[in-house]
PDB file of all heavy atoms in Angstrom:
ATOM      1  N   PRO A   1     -27.198 -49.147 -64.006  1.00  0.00           N
ATOM      2  CA  PRO A   1     -26.877 -48.127 -65.007  1.00  0.00           C
ATOM      3  C   PRO A   1     -25.641 -48.409 -65.857  1.00  0.00           C
ATOM      4  O   PRO A   1     -25.426 -47.733 -66.870  1.00  0.00           O
ATOM      5  CB  PRO A   1     -26.682 -46.862 -64.158  1.00  0.00           C
ATOM      6  CG  PRO A   1     -27.532 -47.089 -62.956  1.00  0.00           C
ATOM      7  CD  PRO A   1     -27.403 -48.547 -62.661  1.00  0.00           C
ATOM      8  N   THR A   2     -24.833 -49.396 -65.484  1.00  0.00           N
ATOM      9  CA  THR A   2     -23.629 -49.704 -66.271  1.00  0.00           C
ATOM     10  C   THR A   2     -23.661 -51.084 -66.902  1.00  0.00           C
ATOM     11  O   THR A   2     -22.717 -51.451 -67.598  1.00  0.00           O
ATOM     12  CB  THR A   2     -22.367 -49.593 -65.392  1.00  0.00           C
ATOM     13  OG1 THR A   2     -22.448 -50.557 -64.319  1.00  0.00           O
ATOM     14  CG2 THR A   2     -22.219 -48.197 -64.813  1.00  0.00           C
ATOM     15  N   THR A   3     -24.737 -51.858 -66.677  1.00  0.00           N
ATOM     16  CA  THR A   3     -24.742 -53.240 -67.151  1.00  0.00           C
ATOM     17  C   THR A   3     -26.105 -53.660 -67.688  1.00  0.00           C
ATOM     18  O   THR A   3     -27.120 -53.515 -67.011  1.00  0.00           O
ATOM     19  CB  THR A   3     -24.344 -54.218 -66.025  1.00  0.00           C
ATOM     20  OG1 THR A   3     -23.141 -53.776 -65.397  1.00  0.00           O
ATOM     21  CG2 THR A   3     -24.142 -55.625 -66.579  1.00  0.00           C
ATOM     22  N   LEU A   4     -26.108 -54.198 -68.919  1.00  0.00           N
ATOM     23  CA  LEU A   4     -27.264 -54.859 -69.505  1.00  0.00           C
ATOM     24  C   LEU A   4     -26.910 -56.317 -69.755  1.00  0.00           C
ATOM     25  O   LEU A   4     -25.726 -56.669 -69.864  1.00  0.00           O
ATOM     26  CB  LEU A   4     -27.655 -54.198 -70.828  1.00  0.00           C
ATOM     27  CG  LEU A   4     -27.981 -52.713 -70.804  1.00  0.00           C
ATOM     28  CD1 LEU A   4     -28.219 -52.197 -72.228  1.00  0.00           C
ATOM     29  CD2 LEU A   4     -29.200 -52.426 -69.931  1.00  0.00           C
ATOM     30  N   MET A   5     -27.918 -57.174 -69.872  1.00  0.00           N
ATOM     31  CA  MET A   5     -27.658 -58.589 -70.107  1.00  0.00           C
ATOM     32  C   MET A   5     -28.553 -59.116 -71.222  1.00  0.00           C
ATOM     33  O   MET A   5     -29.734 -58.793 -71.285  1.00  0.00           O
ATOM     34  CB  MET A   5     -27.899 -59.399 -68.830  1.00  0.00           C
ATOM     35  CG  MET A   5     -27.539 -60.878 -68.958  1.00  0.00           C
ATOM     36  SD  MET A   5     -27.646 -61.772 -67.383  1.00  0.00           S
ATOM     37  CE  MET A   5     -29.434 -61.925 -67.238  1.00  0.00           C
ATOM     38  N   ILE A   6     -27.975 -59.898 -72.116  1.00  0.00           N
ATOM     39  CA  ILE A   6     -28.742 -60.623 -73.120  1.00  0.00           C
ATOM     40  C   ILE A   6     -28.351 -62.089 -73.028  1.00  0.00           C
ATOM     41  O   ILE A   6     -27.237 -62.433 -72.615  1.00  0.00           O
ATOM     42  CB  ILE A   6     -28.490 -60.088 -74.544  1.00  0.00           C
ATOM     43  CG1 ILE A   6     -27.007 -60.121 -74.896  1.00  0.00           C
ATOM     44  CG2 ILE A   6     -29.048 -58.680 -74.684  1.00  0.00           C
ATOM     45  CD1 ILE A   6     -26.709 -59.689 -76.323  1.00  0.00           C
ATOM     46  N   THR A   7     -29.260 -62.959 -73.424  1.00  0.00           N
ATOM     47  CA  THR A   7     -29.008 -64.397 -73.285  1.00  0.00           C
ATOM     48  C   THR A   7     -29.779 -65.169 -74.345  1.00  0.00           C
ATOM     49  O   THR A   7     -30.762 -64.665 -74.911  1.00  0.00           O
ATOM     50  CB  THR A   7     -29.415 -64.888 -71.884  1.00  0.00           C
ATOM     51  OG1 THR A   7     -28.981 -66.237 -71.708  1.00  0.00           O
ATOM     52  CG2 THR A   7     -30.917 -64.818 -71.679  1.00  0.00           C
ATOM     53  N   GLY A   8     -29.293 -66.406 -74.628  1.00  0.00           N
ATOM     54  CA  GLY A   8     -30.041 -67.316 -75.496  1.00  0.00           C
ATOM     55  C   GLY A   8     -29.545 -67.412 -76.915  1.00  0.00           C
ATOM     56  O   GLY A   8     -29.944 -68.315 -77.644  1.00  0.00           O
ATOM     57  N   THR A   9     -28.666 -66.507 -77.358  1.00  0.00           N
ATOM     58  CA  THR A   9     -28.159 -66.536 -78.729  1.00  0.00           C
ATOM     59  C   THR A   9     -26.646 -66.370 -78.714  1.00  0.00           C
ATOM     60  O   THR A   9     -26.121 -65.422 -78.131  1.00  0.00           O
ATOM     61  CB  THR A   9     -28.783 -65.407 -79.576  1.00  0.00           C
ATOM     62  OG1 THR A   9     -30.208 -65.533 -79.557  1.00  0.00           O
ATOM     63  CG2 THR A   9     -28.297 -65.488 -81.019  1.00  0.00           C
ATOM     64  N   GLU A  10     -25.961 -67.297 -79.369  1.00  0.00           N
ATOM     65  CA  GLU A  10     -24.505 -67.201 -79.416  1.00  0.00           C
ATOM     66  C   GLU A  10     -24.092 -66.068 -80.333  1.00  0.00           C
ATOM     67  O   GLU A  10     -24.595 -65.919 -81.449  1.00  0.00           O
ATOM     68  CB  GLU A  10     -23.900 -68.512 -79.921  1.00  0.00           C
ATOM     69  CG  GLU A  10     -22.371 -68.488 -79.937  1.00  0.00           C
ATOM     70  CD  GLU A  10     -21.779 -69.797 -80.414  1.00  0.00           C
ATOM     71  OE1 GLU A  10     -22.548 -70.679 -80.855  1.00  0.00           O
ATOM     72  OE2 GLU A  10     -20.546 -69.941 -80.341  1.00  0.00           O
ATOM     73  N   LEU A  11     -23.178 -65.256 -79.856  1.00  0.00           N
ATOM     74  CA  LEU A  11     -22.680 -64.136 -80.642  1.00  0.00           C
ATOM     75  C   LEU A  11     -21.358 -64.503 -81.279  1.00  0.00           C
ATOM     76  O   LEU A  11     -20.416 -64.899 -80.590  1.00  0.00           O
ATOM     77  CB  LEU A  11     -22.510 -62.893 -79.760  1.00  0.00           C
ATOM     78  CG  LEU A  11     -23.759 -62.383 -79.031  1.00  0.00           C
ATOM     79  CD1 LEU A  11     -23.424 -61.120 -78.264  1.00  0.00           C
ATOM     80  CD2 LEU A  11     -24.890 -62.117 -80.004  1.00  0.00           C
ATOM     81  N   THR A  12     -21.319 -64.369 -82.592  1.00  0.00           N
ATOM     82  CA  THR A  12     -20.040 -64.534 -83.282  1.00  0.00           C
ATOM     83  C   THR A  12     -19.605 -63.150 -83.738  1.00  0.00           C
ATOM     84  O   THR A  12     -19.802 -62.177 -83.031  1.00  0.00           O
ATOM     85  CB  THR A  12     -20.201 -65.499 -84.459  1.00  0.00           C
ATOM     86  OG1 THR A  12     -21.258 -65.040 -85.298  1.00  0.00           O
ATOM     87  CG2 THR A  12     -20.549 -66.906 -83.959  1.00  0.00           C
ATOM     88  N   ASP A  13     -19.016 -63.030 -84.881  1.00  0.00           N
ATOM     89  CA  ASP A  13     -18.640 -61.700 -85.346  1.00  0.00           C
ATOM     90  C   ASP A  13     -19.882 -60.904 -85.730  1.00  0.00           C
ATOM     91  O   ASP A  13     -20.819 -61.434 -86.315  1.00  0.00           O
ATOM     92  CB  ASP A  13     -17.722 -61.801 -86.572  1.00  0.00           C
ATOM     93  CG  ASP A  13     -16.339 -62.278 -86.186  1.00  0.00           C
ATOM     94  OD1 ASP A  13     -16.051 -62.295 -84.974  1.00  0.00           O
ATOM     95  OD2 ASP A  13     -15.577 -62.645 -87.094  1.00  0.00           O
ATOM     96  N   PHE A  14     -19.887 -59.628 -85.393  1.00  0.00           N
ATOM     97  CA  PHE A  14     -20.991 -58.757 -85.799  1.00  0.00           C
ATOM     98  C   PHE A  14     -20.441 -57.377 -86.088  1.00  0.00           C
ATOM     99  O   PHE A  14     -19.394 -56.982 -85.581  1.00  0.00           O
ATOM    100  CB  PHE A  14     -22.084 -58.695 -84.719  1.00  0.00           C
ATOM    101  CG  PHE A  14     -21.602 -58.323 -83.352  1.00  0.00           C
ATOM    102  CD1 PHE A  14     -21.526 -56.994 -82.975  1.00  0.00           C
ATOM    103  CD2 PHE A  14     -21.211 -59.304 -82.441  1.00  0.00           C
ATOM    104  CE1 PHE A  14     -21.085 -56.646 -81.715  1.00  0.00           C
ATOM    105  CE2 PHE A  14     -20.766 -58.951 -81.183  1.00  0.00           C
ATOM    106  CZ  PHE A  14     -20.703 -57.628 -80.809  1.00  0.00           C
ATOM    107  N   ASP A  15     -21.146 -56.660 -86.932  1.00  0.00           N
ATOM    108  CA  ASP A  15     -20.650 -55.377 -87.421  1.00  0.00           C
ATOM    109  C   ASP A  15     -21.163 -54.176 -86.643  1.00  0.00           C
ATOM    110  O   ASP A  15     -20.532 -53.143 -86.615  1.00  0.00           O
ATOM    111  CB  ASP A  15     -21.044 -55.196 -88.898  1.00  0.00           C
ATOM    112  CG  ASP A  15     -20.385 -56.237 -89.790  1.00  0.00           C
ATOM    113  OD1 ASP A  15     -19.220 -56.569 -89.512  1.00  0.00           O
ATOM    114  OD2 ASP A  15     -21.047 -56.705 -90.723  1.00  0.00           O
ATOM    115  N   ARG A  16     -22.335 -54.328 -86.031  1.00  0.00           N
ATOM    116  CA  ARG A  16     -22.927 -53.132 -85.417  1.00  0.00           C
ATOM    117  C   ARG A  16     -23.709 -53.505 -84.175  1.00  0.00           C
ATOM    118  O   ARG A  16     -24.532 -54.410 -84.189  1.00  0.00           O
ATOM    119  CB  ARG A  16     -23.846 -52.438 -86.422  1.00  0.00           C
ATOM    120  CG  ARG A  16     -24.633 -51.274 -85.849  1.00  0.00           C
ATOM    121  CD  ARG A  16     -25.365 -50.533 -86.936  1.00  0.00           C
ATOM    122  NE  ARG A  16     -26.299 -49.574 -86.375  1.00  0.00           N
ATOM    123  CZ  ARG A  16     -26.922 -48.642 -87.072  1.00  0.00           C
ATOM    124  NH1 ARG A  16     -26.703 -48.533 -88.357  1.00  0.00           N
ATOM    125  NH2 ARG A  16     -27.771 -47.812 -86.500  1.00  0.00           N
ATOM    126  N   LEU A  17     -23.443 -52.799 -83.104  1.00  0.00           N
ATOM    127  CA  LEU A  17     -24.184 -52.978 -81.853  1.00  0.00           C
ATOM    128  C   LEU A  17     -24.686 -51.621 -81.400  1.00  0.00           C
ATOM    129  O   LEU A  17     -23.938 -50.652 -81.386  1.00  0.00           O
ATOM    130  CB  LEU A  17     -23.286 -53.607 -80.783  1.00  0.00           C
ATOM    131  CG  LEU A  17     -23.934 -53.896 -79.414  1.00  0.00           C
ATOM    132  CD1 LEU A  17     -23.275 -55.106 -78.772  1.00  0.00           C
ATOM    133  CD2 LEU A  17     -23.836 -52.713 -78.456  1.00  0.00           C
ATOM    134  N   SER A  18     -25.958 -51.549 -81.054  1.00  0.00           N
ATOM    135  CA  SER A  18     -26.553 -50.291 -80.598  1.00  0.00           C
ATOM    136  C   SER A  18     -27.268 -50.513 -79.279  1.00  0.00           C
ATOM    137  O   SER A  18     -27.864 -51.569 -79.058  1.00  0.00           O
ATOM    138  CB  SER A  18     -27.567 -49.758 -81.618  1.00  0.00           C
ATOM    139  OG  SER A  18     -26.974 -49.606 -82.886  1.00  0.00           O
ATOM    140  N   VAL A  19     -27.206 -49.520 -78.405  1.00  0.00           N
ATOM    141  CA  VAL A  19     -28.069 -49.465 -77.226  1.00  0.00           C
ATOM    142  C   VAL A  19     -29.042 -48.320 -77.467  1.00  0.00           C
ATOM    143  O   VAL A  19     -28.641 -47.186 -77.670  1.00  0.00           O
ATOM    144  CB  VAL A  19     -27.271 -49.224 -75.936  1.00  0.00           C
ATOM    145  CG1 VAL A  19     -28.228 -49.078 -74.759  1.00  0.00           C
ATOM    146  CG2 VAL A  19     -26.313 -50.378 -75.677  1.00  0.00           C
ATOM    147  N   ILE A  20     -30.328 -48.649 -77.468  1.00  0.00           N
ATOM    148  CA  ILE A  20     -31.348 -47.663 -77.819  1.00  0.00           C
ATOM    149  C   ILE A  20     -32.375 -47.570 -76.698  1.00  0.00           C
ATOM    150  O   ILE A  20     -32.863 -48.584 -76.205  1.00  0.00           O
ATOM    151  CB  ILE A  20     -32.048 -48.053 -79.141  1.00  0.00           C
ATOM    152  CG1 ILE A  20     -31.005 -48.178 -80.261  1.00  0.00           C
ATOM    153  CG2 ILE A  20     -33.119 -47.041 -79.510  1.00  0.00           C
ATOM    154  CD1 ILE A  20     -31.569 -48.658 -81.570  1.00  0.00           C
ATOM    155  N   GLN A  21     -32.676 -46.333 -76.301  1.00  0.00           N
ATOM    156  CA  GLN A  21     -33.744 -46.133 -75.324  1.00  0.00           C
ATOM    157  C   GLN A  21     -35.078 -46.274 -76.055  1.00  0.00           C
ATOM    158  O   GLN A  21     -35.348 -45.539 -77.004  1.00  0.00           O
ATOM    159  CB  GLN A  21     -33.654 -44.748 -74.696  1.00  0.00           C
ATOM    160  CG  GLN A  21     -32.291 -44.396 -74.136  1.00  0.00           C
ATOM    161  CD  GLN A  21     -31.849 -45.353 -73.073  1.00  0.00           C
ATOM    162  OE1 GLN A  21     -31.133 -46.303 -73.342  1.00  0.00           O
ATOM    163  NE2 GLN A  21     -32.302 -45.123 -71.865  1.00  0.00           N
ATOM    164  N   ARG A  22     -35.910 -47.184 -75.597  1.00  0.00           N
ATOM    165  CA  ARG A  22     -37.194 -47.407 -76.254  1.00  0.00           C
ATOM    166  C   ARG A  22     -38.317 -46.972 -75.336  1.00  0.00           C
ATOM    167  O   ARG A  22     -38.225 -47.084 -74.116  1.00  0.00           O
ATOM    168  CB  ARG A  22     -37.375 -48.875 -76.629  1.00  0.00           C
ATOM    169  CG  ARG A  22     -36.270 -49.413 -77.514  1.00  0.00           C
ATOM    170  CD  ARG A  22     -36.625 -50.774 -78.059  1.00  0.00           C
ATOM    171  NE  ARG A  22     -37.455 -50.675 -79.252  1.00  0.00           N
ATOM    172  CZ  ARG A  22     -38.066 -51.701 -79.798  1.00  0.00           C
ATOM    173  NH1 ARG A  22     -37.978 -52.886 -79.241  1.00  0.00           N
ATOM    174  NH2 ARG A  22     -38.798 -51.542 -80.890  1.00  0.00           N
ATOM    175  N   SER A  23     -39.395 -46.479 -75.956  1.00  0.00           N
ATOM    176  CA  SER A  23     -40.555 -46.051 -75.184  1.00  0.00           C
ATOM    177  C   SER A  23     -41.063 -47.193 -74.338  1.00  0.00           C
ATOM    178  O   SER A  23     -41.090 -48.344 -74.757  1.00  0.00           O
ATOM    179  CB  SER A  23     -41.658 -45.563 -76.125  1.00  0.00           C
ATOM    180  OG  SER A  23     -42.854 -45.360 -75.426  1.00  0.00           O
ATOM    181  N   ASN A  24     -41.509 -46.856 -73.116  1.00  0.00           N
ATOM    182  CA  ASN A  24     -41.948 -47.878 -72.178  1.00  0.00           C
ATOM    183  C   ASN A  24     -43.417 -48.246 -72.360  1.00  0.00           C
ATOM    184  O   ASN A  24     -44.026 -48.866 -71.504  1.00  0.00           O
ATOM    185  CB  ASN A  24     -41.726 -47.398 -70.732  1.00  0.00           C
ATOM    186  CG  ASN A  24     -41.682 -48.544 -69.755  1.00  0.00           C
ATOM    187  OD1 ASN A  24     -41.263 -49.635 -70.106  1.00  0.00           O
ATOM    188  ND2 ASN A  24     -42.110 -48.307 -68.529  1.00  0.00           N
ATOM    189  N   SER A  25     -44.029 -47.836 -73.474  1.00  0.00           N
ATOM    190  CA  SER A  25     -45.429 -48.170 -73.727  1.00  0.00           C
ATOM    191  C   SER A  25     -45.529 -49.579 -74.276  1.00  0.00           C
ATOM    192  O   SER A  25     -44.534 -50.222 -74.596  1.00  0.00           O
ATOM    193  CB  SER A  25     -46.039 -47.190 -74.729  1.00  0.00           C
ATOM    194  OG  SER A  25     -45.444 -47.379 -75.996  1.00  0.00           O
TER     195      SER A  25
END
């Protein structure tokens, strides 16, 4: 519940990050 993980793409500067609940369908 406190940790998500993403991998495979280097992150440099970015302007906007969102965590969105998406339908499980």
